[in-house]
Amino acid sequence: MNKKSFLILIIPPLVFFFSGWIYSALVCYGDPTTEFFCFASSFILSVALYVIEIIAFVLTKKFLAKKINNYQLLFIICGIAFVLLFVGGGFSGFILKAAYSTKNISFCNILIGIRANWNKNLCITHIARETEQEFSCEKVSLEERASCYNTLAIKKGDPTICGKIRLDFGGSGGLPGGMIREMCYRYLAERKKDTTICEKAKEASEEWCIKDEHGYSIVVSNYPLFNCHKIAREECCKKYGEYIKEDCYKQVAK
């Protein structure tokens, strides 16, 4: 491989590699709930794009070496790099920045690429939190909607929003929706020093335990002192609800 070919192989992909990484990093920075995963996935995506560009170079050089010169090859590789960056990361980065700057959900809906759905949910949740608009969470996919309502309820300090979290759909991290609703109430009760919200946490925990098979299994496995294997499910769930309320009262009293 001569010097020109080597430079064509190294320079264009590196430029786009670092550009994609920088753009994505700028989008990720400042959101502590997702920062690590956003950075990590952006870096992995950038590495993947770089590898694809090298493969494209090798194939182009092999099959078109006699038909094109180095300058044409440079143009082709730059074109490939730009398309991959546009589709895979850089475009999403620009759109996310535009959405965050303008607080306009319309930008979230035109995201494309490998992480488009994840980015869309993150984008809408961020805007819902910043604008404090509940209806925005309705535009988040069901599997992530609980996280959006939870984030918004905590931002506004409004426990009524916790009640919008559905029992049958969870959120990031695989937590059941019922548990997120319960935790939402408890967090606000502790922050606002309001024991009446503890009652809501009790109701949410009982309802979740009774109606959600997965939720009931979690209670049985984590609270053996309730002796749930010896009593009816509803009685077990009421014990769980009382435990949640008492613990919530203790946290409020601190």
C-alpha atoms as a PDB file:
ATOM      1  CA  MET A   1       0.000   0.000   0.000  1.00  0.00           C
ATOM      2  CA  ASN A   2       1.479   3.355  -0.994  1.00  0.00           C
ATOM      3  CA  LYS A   3       1.450   6.503   1.113  1.00  0.00           C
ATOM      4  CA  LYS A   4      -1.545   8.070  -0.634  1.00  0.00           C
ATOM      5  CA  SER A   5      -3.643   4.944  -0.216  1.00  0.00           C
ATOM      6  CA  PHE A   6      -2.705   4.791   3.443  1.00  0.00           C
ATOM      7  CA  LEU A   7      -3.747   8.398   4.019  1.00  0.00           C
ATOM      8  CA  ILE A   8      -7.050   7.787   2.211  1.00  0.00           C
ATOM      9  CA  LEU A   9      -7.658   4.798   4.441  1.00  0.00           C
ATOM     10  CA  ILE A  10      -6.891   6.616   7.692  1.00  0.00           C
ATOM     11  CA  ILE A  11      -7.836  10.299   7.420  1.00  0.00           C
ATOM     12  CA  PRO A  12     -11.495  10.376   6.202  1.00  0.00           C
ATOM     13  CA  PRO A  13     -12.771   7.632   8.515  1.00  0.00           C
ATOM     14  CA  LEU A  14     -10.965   9.167  11.498  1.00  0.00           C
ATOM     15  CA  VAL A  15     -12.480  12.568  10.818  1.00  0.00           C
ATOM     16  CA  PHE A  16     -15.993  11.152  10.719  1.00  0.00           C
ATOM     17  CA  PHE A  17     -15.272   8.773  13.597  1.00  0.00           C
ATOM     18  CA  PHE A  18     -14.339  11.600  15.961  1.00  0.00           C
ATOM     19  CA  SER A  19     -17.063  13.882  14.614  1.00  0.00           C
ATOM     20  CA  GLY A  20     -19.750  11.288  15.304  1.00  0.00           C
ATOM     21  CA  TRP A  21     -18.326  10.642  18.755  1.00  0.00           C
ATOM     22  CA  ILE A  22     -18.161  14.339  19.625  1.00  0.00           C
ATOM     23  CA  TYR A  23     -21.701  15.086  18.384  1.00  0.00           C
ATOM     24  CA  SER A  24     -23.163  12.120  20.262  1.00  0.00           C
ATOM     25  CA  ALA A  25     -21.194  12.975  23.394  1.00  0.00           C
ATOM     26  CA  LEU A  26     -22.555  16.517  23.362  1.00  0.00           C
ATOM     27  CA  VAL A  27     -26.084  15.115  23.229  1.00  0.00           C
ATOM     28  CA  CYS A  28     -25.414  12.659  26.061  1.00  0.00           C
ATOM     29  CA  TYR A  29     -23.682  15.093  28.403  1.00  0.00           C
ATOM     30  CA  GLY A  30     -25.772  16.552  31.196  1.00  0.00           C
ATOM     31  CA  ASP A  31     -28.382  13.806  31.658  1.00  0.00           C
ATOM     32  CA  PRO A  32     -27.095  11.741  34.618  1.00  0.00           C
ATOM     33  CA  THR A  33     -29.829   9.109  34.318  1.00  0.00           C
ATOM     34  CA  THR A  34     -28.656   7.968  30.886  1.00  0.00           C
ATOM     35  CA  GLU A  35     -25.240   9.550  30.471  1.00  0.00           C
ATOM     36  CA  PHE A  36     -23.090   6.424  30.844  1.00  0.00           C
ATOM     37  CA  PHE A  37     -25.176   4.261  28.522  1.00  0.00           C
ATOM     38  CA  CYS A  38     -25.469   7.050  25.972  1.00  0.00           C
ATOM     39  CA  PHE A  39     -21.710   7.607  25.917  1.00  0.00           C
ATOM     40  CA  ALA A  40     -20.976   3.883  25.720  1.00  0.00           C
ATOM     41  CA  SER A  41     -23.418   3.189  22.906  1.00  0.00           C
ATOM     42  CA  SER A  42     -22.190   6.253  20.978  1.00  0.00           C
ATOM     43  CA  PHE A  43     -18.611   5.057  21.244  1.00  0.00           C
ATOM     44  CA  ILE A  44     -19.524   1.529  20.128  1.00  0.00           C
ATOM     45  CA  LEU A  45     -21.478   2.957  17.199  1.00  0.00           C
ATOM     46  CA  SER A  46     -18.537   5.141  16.158  1.00  0.00           C
ATOM     47  CA  VAL A  47     -16.148   2.174  16.265  1.00  0.00           C
ATOM     48  CA  ALA A  48     -18.596   0.111  14.194  1.00  0.00           C
ATOM     49  CA  LEU A  49     -18.813   2.878  11.585  1.00  0.00           C
ATOM     50  CA  TYR A  50     -15.029   3.091  11.404  1.00  0.00           C
ATOM     51  CA  VAL A  51     -14.740  -0.675  10.821  1.00  0.00           C
ATOM     52  CA  ILE A  52     -17.395  -0.537   8.089  1.00  0.00           C
ATOM     53  CA  GLU A  53     -15.544   2.306   6.378  1.00  0.00           C
ATOM     54  CA  ILE A  54     -12.294   0.314   6.355  1.00  0.00           C
ATOM     55  CA  ILE A  55     -14.091  -2.671   4.861  1.00  0.00           C
ATOM     56  CA  ALA A  56     -15.606  -0.388   2.226  1.00  0.00           C
ATOM     57  CA  PHE A  57     -12.144   0.932   1.398  1.00  0.00           C
ATOM     58  CA  VAL A  58     -10.655  -2.552   1.012  1.00  0.00           C
ATOM     59  CA  LEU A  59     -13.499  -3.745  -1.221  1.00  0.00           C
ATOM     60  CA  THR A  60     -13.411  -0.586  -3.320  1.00  0.00           C
ATOM     61  CA  LYS A  61      -9.654  -0.807  -3.735  1.00  0.00           C
ATOM     62  CA  LYS A  62      -9.855  -4.462  -4.686  1.00  0.00           C
ATOM     63  CA  PHE A  63     -12.595  -4.280  -7.295  1.00  0.00           C
ATOM     64  CA  LEU A  64     -12.126  -0.758  -8.660  1.00  0.00           C
ATOM     65  CA  ALA A  65      -8.377  -0.232  -8.306  1.00  0.00           C
ATOM     66  CA  LYS A  66      -7.819  -0.108 -12.067  1.00  0.00           C
ATOM     67  CA  LYS A  67     -10.832   2.060 -12.837  1.00  0.00           C
ATOM     68  CA  ILE A  68     -10.393   4.930 -10.390  1.00  0.00           C
ATOM     69  CA  ASN A  69      -7.516   7.045  -9.081  1.00  0.00           C
ATOM     70  CA  ASN A  70      -6.721   7.908  -5.475  1.00  0.00           C
ATOM     71  CA  TYR A  71      -8.660  11.160  -5.540  1.00  0.00           C
ATOM     72  CA  GLN A  72     -11.793   9.404  -6.763  1.00  0.00           C
ATOM     73  CA  LEU A  73     -11.290   6.775  -4.083  1.00  0.00           C
ATOM     74  CA  LEU A  74     -11.006   9.531  -1.478  1.00  0.00           C
ATOM     75  CA  PHE A  75     -14.305  10.993  -2.675  1.00  0.00           C
ATOM     76  CA  ILE A  76     -16.025   7.582  -2.489  1.00  0.00           C
ATOM     77  CA  ILE A  77     -14.774   6.808   1.023  1.00  0.00           C
ATOM     78  CA  CYS A  78     -15.771  10.268   2.275  1.00  0.00           C
ATOM     79  CA  GLY A  79     -19.212   9.746   0.769  1.00  0.00           C
ATOM     80  CA  ILE A  80     -19.588   6.383   2.485  1.00  0.00           C
ATOM     81  CA  ALA A  81     -18.401   7.860   5.787  1.00  0.00           C
ATOM     82  CA  PHE A  82     -20.873  10.740   5.547  1.00  0.00           C
ATOM     83  CA  VAL A  83     -23.824   8.457   4.759  1.00  0.00           C
ATOM     84  CA  LEU A  84     -22.984   6.132   7.646  1.00  0.00           C
ATOM     85  CA  LEU A  85     -22.544   9.038  10.038  1.00  0.00           C
ATOM     86  CA  PHE A  86     -25.810  10.611   8.869  1.00  0.00           C
ATOM     87  CA  VAL A  87     -27.828   7.400   9.270  1.00  0.00           C
ATOM     88  CA  GLY A  88     -26.080   5.960  12.294  1.00  0.00           C
ATOM     89  CA  GLY A  89     -25.283   8.748  14.697  1.00  0.00           C
ATOM     90  CA  GLY A  90     -24.465  12.278  13.620  1.00  0.00           C
ATOM     91  CA  PHE A  91     -27.894  13.054  12.209  1.00  0.00           C
ATOM     92  CA  SER A  92     -29.589  11.846  15.399  1.00  0.00           C
ATOM     93  CA  GLY A  93     -27.166  13.972  17.382  1.00  0.00           C
ATOM     94  CA  PHE A  94     -28.074  17.128  15.463  1.00  0.00           C
ATOM     95  CA  ILE A  95     -31.804  16.401  15.734  1.00  0.00           C
ATOM     96  CA  LEU A  96     -31.613  15.757  19.480  1.00  0.00           C
ATOM     97  CA  LYS A  97     -29.754  18.994  20.041  1.00  0.00           C
ATOM     98  CA  ALA A  98     -32.365  20.855  17.986  1.00  0.00           C
ATOM     99  CA  ALA A  99     -35.190  19.206  19.944  1.00  0.00           C
ATOM    100  CA  TYR A 100     -33.603  20.035  23.303  1.00  0.00           C
ATOM    101  CA  SER A 101     -32.888  23.620  22.294  1.00  0.00           C
ATOM    102  CA  THR A 102     -36.371  24.348  20.954  1.00  0.00           C
ATOM    103  CA  LYS A 103     -38.288  21.966  23.274  1.00  0.00           C
ATOM    104  CA  ASN A 104     -40.180  20.842  20.189  1.00  0.00           C
ATOM    105  CA  ILE A 105     -41.317  17.185  20.154  1.00  0.00           C
ATOM    106  CA  SER A 106     -41.708  17.276  16.379  1.00  0.00           C
ATOM    107  CA  PHE A 107     -37.931  16.892  16.108  1.00  0.00           C
ATOM    108  CA  CYS A 108     -38.043  13.723  18.211  1.00  0.00           C
ATOM    109  CA  ASN A 109     -40.388  12.088  15.705  1.00  0.00           C
ATOM    110  CA  ILE A 110     -37.954  12.329  12.791  1.00  0.00           C
ATOM    111  CA  LEU A 111     -35.063  10.527  14.485  1.00  0.00           C
ATOM    112  CA  ILE A 112     -33.638   7.660  12.445  1.00  0.00           C
ATOM    113  CA  GLY A 113     -30.829   5.167  12.818  1.00  0.00           C
ATOM    114  CA  ILE A 114     -29.873   2.209  14.964  1.00  0.00           C
ATOM    115  CA  ARG A 115     -31.083   3.721  18.256  1.00  0.00           C
ATOM    116  CA  ALA A 116     -33.985   5.726  16.840  1.00  0.00           C
ATOM    117  CA  ASN A 117     -36.742   4.396  19.128  1.00  0.00           C
ATOM    118  CA  TRP A 118     -34.598   4.640  22.252  1.00  0.00           C
ATOM    119  CA  ASN A 119     -33.526   8.169  21.313  1.00  0.00           C
ATOM    120  CA  LYS A 120     -37.110   9.162  20.568  1.00  0.00           C
ATOM    121  CA  ASN A 121     -38.312   8.073  24.016  1.00  0.00           C
ATOM    122  CA  LEU A 122     -35.367   9.801  25.667  1.00  0.00           C
ATOM    123  CA  CYS A 123     -35.991  12.943  23.621  1.00  0.00           C
ATOM    124  CA  ILE A 124     -39.712  13.176  24.461  1.00  0.00           C
ATOM    125  CA  THR A 125     -39.130  12.406  28.151  1.00  0.00           C
ATOM    126  CA  HIS A 126     -36.517  15.143  28.341  1.00  0.00           C
ATOM    127  CA  ILE A 127     -38.844  17.692  26.733  1.00  0.00           C
ATOM    128  CA  ALA A 128     -41.797  16.597  28.903  1.00  0.00           C
ATOM    129  CA  ARG A 129     -39.661  17.186  31.979  1.00  0.00           C
ATOM    130  CA  GLU A 130     -38.439  20.585  30.783  1.00  0.00           C
ATOM    131  CA  THR A 131     -41.852  21.848  29.646  1.00  0.00           C
ATOM    132  CA  GLU A 132     -43.767  20.070  32.448  1.00  0.00           C
ATOM    133  CA  GLN A 133     -46.445  18.958  29.968  1.00  0.00           C
ATOM    134  CA  GLU A 134     -48.153  15.680  30.883  1.00  0.00           C
ATOM    135  CA  PHE A 135     -49.591  15.047  27.438  1.00  0.00           C
ATOM    136  CA  SER A 136     -46.078  14.713  26.062  1.00  0.00           C
ATOM    137  CA  CYS A 137     -45.620  11.423  27.945  1.00  0.00           C
ATOM    138  CA  GLU A 138     -48.520   9.965  25.955  1.00  0.00           C
ATOM    139  CA  LYS A 139     -46.263  10.102  22.913  1.00  0.00           C
ATOM    140  CA  VAL A 140     -43.643   7.868  24.558  1.00  0.00           C
ATOM    141  CA  SER A 141     -43.867   4.141  23.762  1.00  0.00           C
ATOM    142  CA  LEU A 142     -45.751   2.072  26.348  1.00  0.00           C
ATOM    143  CA  GLU A 143     -42.668   0.273  27.621  1.00  0.00           C
ATOM    144  CA  GLU A 144     -41.041   3.604  28.578  1.00  0.00           C
ATOM    145  CA  ARG A 145     -44.080   5.705  29.467  1.00  0.00           C
ATOM    146  CA  ALA A 146     -43.874   4.871  33.172  1.00  0.00           C
ATOM    147  CA  SER A 147     -40.403   6.379  33.340  1.00  0.00           C
ATOM    148  CA  CYS A 148     -41.645   9.542  31.649  1.00  0.00           C
ATOM    149  CA  TYR A 149     -44.509  10.043  34.118  1.00  0.00           C
ATOM    150  CA  ASN A 150     -42.217   9.264  37.038  1.00  0.00           C
ATOM    151  CA  THR A 151     -39.656  11.817  35.841  1.00  0.00           C
ATOM    152  CA  LEU A 152     -42.330  14.460  35.297  1.00  0.00           C
ATOM    153  CA  ALA A 153     -44.041  13.815  38.666  1.00  0.00           C
ATOM    154  CA  ILE A 154     -40.738  14.269  40.492  1.00  0.00           C
ATOM    155  CA  LYS A 155     -39.904  17.415  38.518  1.00  0.00           C
ATOM    156  CA  LYS A 156     -43.307  19.026  39.249  1.00  0.00           C
ATOM    157  CA  GLY A 157     -43.690  17.547  42.734  1.00  0.00           C
ATOM    158  CA  ASP A 158     -47.167  16.408  41.723  1.00  0.00           C
ATOM    159  CA  PRO A 159     -48.301  13.007  43.104  1.00  0.00           C
ATOM    160  CA  THR A 160     -51.366  12.919  40.852  1.00  0.00           C
ATOM    161  CA  ILE A 161     -49.045  12.265  37.914  1.00  0.00           C
ATOM    162  CA  CYS A 162     -47.743   9.138  39.684  1.00  0.00           C
ATOM    163  CA  GLY A 163     -51.272   7.761  39.380  1.00  0.00           C
ATOM    164  CA  LYS A 164     -51.012   7.846  35.589  1.00  0.00           C
ATOM    165  CA  ILE A 165     -48.329   5.150  35.653  1.00  0.00           C
ATOM    166  CA  ARG A 166     -49.883   1.917  34.415  1.00  0.00           C
ATOM    167  CA  LEU A 167     -49.409  -1.297  36.365  1.00  0.00           C
ATOM    168  CA  ASP A 168     -48.915  -3.451  33.285  1.00  0.00           C
ATOM    169  CA  PHE A 169     -46.052  -1.526  31.684  1.00  0.00           C
ATOM    170  CA  GLY A 170     -42.725  -0.866  33.349  1.00  0.00           C
ATOM    171  CA  GLY A 171     -39.815   1.333  32.451  1.00  0.00           C
ATOM    172  CA  SER A 172     -36.067   1.471  32.041  1.00  0.00           C
ATOM    173  CA  GLY A 173     -34.224  -1.188  34.007  1.00  0.00           C
ATOM    174  CA  GLY A 174     -37.076  -3.703  33.798  1.00  0.00           C
ATOM    175  CA  LEU A 175     -38.965  -2.406  36.847  1.00  0.00           C
ATOM    176  CA  PRO A 176     -42.709  -3.248  36.834  1.00  0.00           C
ATOM    177  CA  GLY A 177     -45.051  -0.315  36.345  1.00  0.00           C
ATOM    178  CA  GLY A 178     -46.688  -0.902  39.728  1.00  0.00           C
ATOM    179  CA  MET A 179     -43.371  -0.675  41.518  1.00  0.00           C
ATOM    180  CA  ILE A 180     -42.495   2.566  39.692  1.00  0.00           C
ATOM    181  CA  ARG A 181     -45.862   4.050  40.723  1.00  0.00           C
ATOM    182  CA  GLU A 182     -45.291   3.032  44.336  1.00  0.00           C
ATOM    183  CA  MET A 183     -41.749   4.438  44.353  1.00  0.00           C
ATOM    184  CA  CYS A 184     -42.995   7.644  42.741  1.00  0.00           C
ATOM    185  CA  TYR A 185     -45.482   8.212  45.579  1.00  0.00           C
ATOM    186  CA  ARG A 186     -42.911   7.347  48.251  1.00  0.00           C
ATOM    187  CA  TYR A 187     -40.301   9.671  46.840  1.00  0.00           C
ATOM    188  CA  LEU A 188     -42.714  12.609  46.758  1.00  0.00           C
ATOM    189  CA  ALA A 189     -44.043  11.803  50.237  1.00  0.00           C
ATOM    190  CA  GLU A 190     -40.506  11.942  51.624  1.00  0.00           C
ATOM    191  CA  ARG A 191     -39.609  15.091  49.711  1.00  0.00           C
ATOM    192  CA  LYS A 192     -42.794  16.979  50.574  1.00  0.00           C
ATOM    193  CA  LYS A 193     -42.978  15.542  54.122  1.00  0.00           C
ATOM    194  CA  ASP A 194     -46.591  14.608  53.452  1.00  0.00           C
ATOM    195  CA  THR A 195     -47.898  11.391  55.029  1.00  0.00           C
ATOM    196  CA  THR A 196     -51.115  11.535  53.000  1.00  0.00           C
ATOM    197  CA  ILE A 197     -49.061  10.592  49.958  1.00  0.00           C
ATOM    198  CA  CYS A 198     -47.901   7.510  51.888  1.00  0.00           C
ATOM    199  CA  GLU A 199     -51.496   6.328  51.739  1.00  0.00           C
ATOM    200  CA  LYS A 200     -51.318   6.539  47.959  1.00  0.00           C
ATOM    201  CA  ALA A 201     -48.105   4.491  48.036  1.00  0.00           C
ATOM    202  CA  LYS A 202     -49.900   1.868  50.143  1.00  0.00           C
ATOM    203  CA  GLU A 203     -52.820   1.693  47.702  1.00  0.00           C
ATOM    204  CA  ALA A 204     -50.497   1.471  44.710  1.00  0.00           C
ATOM    205  CA  SER A 205     -48.422  -1.314  46.284  1.00  0.00           C
ATOM    206  CA  GLU A 206     -51.510  -3.365  47.186  1.00  0.00           C
ATOM    207  CA  GLU A 207     -53.057  -2.964  43.747  1.00  0.00           C
ATOM    208  CA  TRP A 208     -49.794  -3.873  42.044  1.00  0.00           C
ATOM    209  CA  CYS A 209     -49.329  -6.941  44.231  1.00  0.00           C
ATOM    210  CA  ILE A 210     -52.885  -8.184  43.692  1.00  0.00           C
ATOM    211  CA  LYS A 211     -53.215  -7.550  39.965  1.00  0.00           C
ATOM    212  CA  ASP A 212     -49.693  -8.204  38.694  1.00  0.00           C
ATOM    213  CA  GLU A 213     -48.452 -11.794  38.856  1.00  0.00           C
ATOM    214  CA  HIS A 214     -44.851 -10.659  38.551  1.00  0.00           C
ATOM    215  CA  GLY A 215     -45.404  -8.107  41.296  1.00  0.00           C
ATOM    216  CA  TYR A 216     -46.857 -10.736  43.617  1.00  0.00           C
ATOM    217  CA  SER A 217     -43.876 -13.007  42.954  1.00  0.00           C
ATOM    218  CA  ILE A 218     -41.512 -10.173  43.900  1.00  0.00           C
ATOM    219  CA  VAL A 219     -43.354  -9.626  47.178  1.00  0.00           C
ATOM    220  CA  VAL A 220     -43.337 -13.349  48.042  1.00  0.00           C
ATOM    221  CA  SER A 221     -39.624 -13.738  47.285  1.00  0.00           C
ATOM    222  CA  ASN A 222     -38.490 -10.560  49.060  1.00  0.00           C
ATOM    223  CA  TYR A 223     -40.710 -10.582  52.135  1.00  0.00           C
ATOM    224  CA  PRO A 224     -40.713 -14.132  53.572  1.00  0.00           C
ATOM    225  CA  LEU A 225     -41.826 -12.819  56.983  1.00  0.00           C
ATOM    226  CA  PHE A 226     -45.287 -12.213  55.502  1.00  0.00           C
ATOM    227  CA  ASN A 227     -45.720 -16.009  55.192  1.00  0.00           C
ATOM    228  CA  CYS A 228     -47.472 -15.517  51.869  1.00  0.00           C
ATOM    229  CA  HIS A 229     -47.341 -19.244  51.112  1.00  0.00           C
ATOM    230  CA  LYS A 230     -49.675 -19.829  54.086  1.00  0.00           C
ATOM    231  CA  ILE A 231     -52.214 -17.075  53.495  1.00  0.00           C
ATOM    232  CA  ALA A 232     -54.420 -15.816  50.650  1.00  0.00           C
ATOM    233  CA  ARG A 233     -52.883 -13.580  48.042  1.00  0.00           C
ATOM    234  CA  GLU A 234     -55.038 -10.593  48.928  1.00  0.00           C
ATOM    235  CA  GLU A 235     -54.088 -10.829  52.601  1.00  0.00           C
ATOM    236  CA  CYS A 236     -50.412 -11.073  51.665  1.00  0.00           C
ATOM    237  CA  CYS A 237     -50.683  -7.978  49.502  1.00  0.00           C
ATOM    238  CA  LYS A 238     -52.389  -6.031  52.277  1.00  0.00           C
ATOM    239  CA  LYS A 239     -49.475  -6.870  54.568  1.00  0.00           C
ATOM    240  CA  TYR A 240     -47.134  -5.608  51.910  1.00  0.00           C
ATOM    241  CA  GLY A 241     -49.153  -2.412  51.567  1.00  0.00           C
ATOM    242  CA  GLU A 242     -49.033  -1.803  55.321  1.00  0.00           C
ATOM    243  CA  TYR A 243     -45.291  -2.374  55.337  1.00  0.00           C
ATOM    244  CA  ILE A 244     -44.824   0.167  52.535  1.00  0.00           C
ATOM    245  CA  LYS A 245     -46.976   2.724  54.356  1.00  0.00           C
ATOM    246  CA  GLU A 246     -45.132   2.285  57.669  1.00  0.00           C
ATOM    247  CA  ASP A 247     -41.757   2.545  55.981  1.00  0.00           C
ATOM    248  CA  CYS A 248     -42.935   5.640  54.110  1.00  0.00           C
ATOM    249  CA  TYR A 249     -44.057   7.228  57.412  1.00  0.00           C
ATOM    250  CA  LYS A 250     -40.635   6.572  58.898  1.00  0.00           C
ATOM    251  CA  GLN A 251     -38.869   8.216  55.955  1.00  0.00           C
ATOM    252  CA  VAL A 252     -41.175  11.253  56.121  1.00  0.00           C
ATOM    253  CA  ALA A 253     -40.468  11.630  59.831  1.00  0.00           C
ATOM    254  CA  LYS A 254     -36.690  11.817  59.335  1.00  0.00           C
END
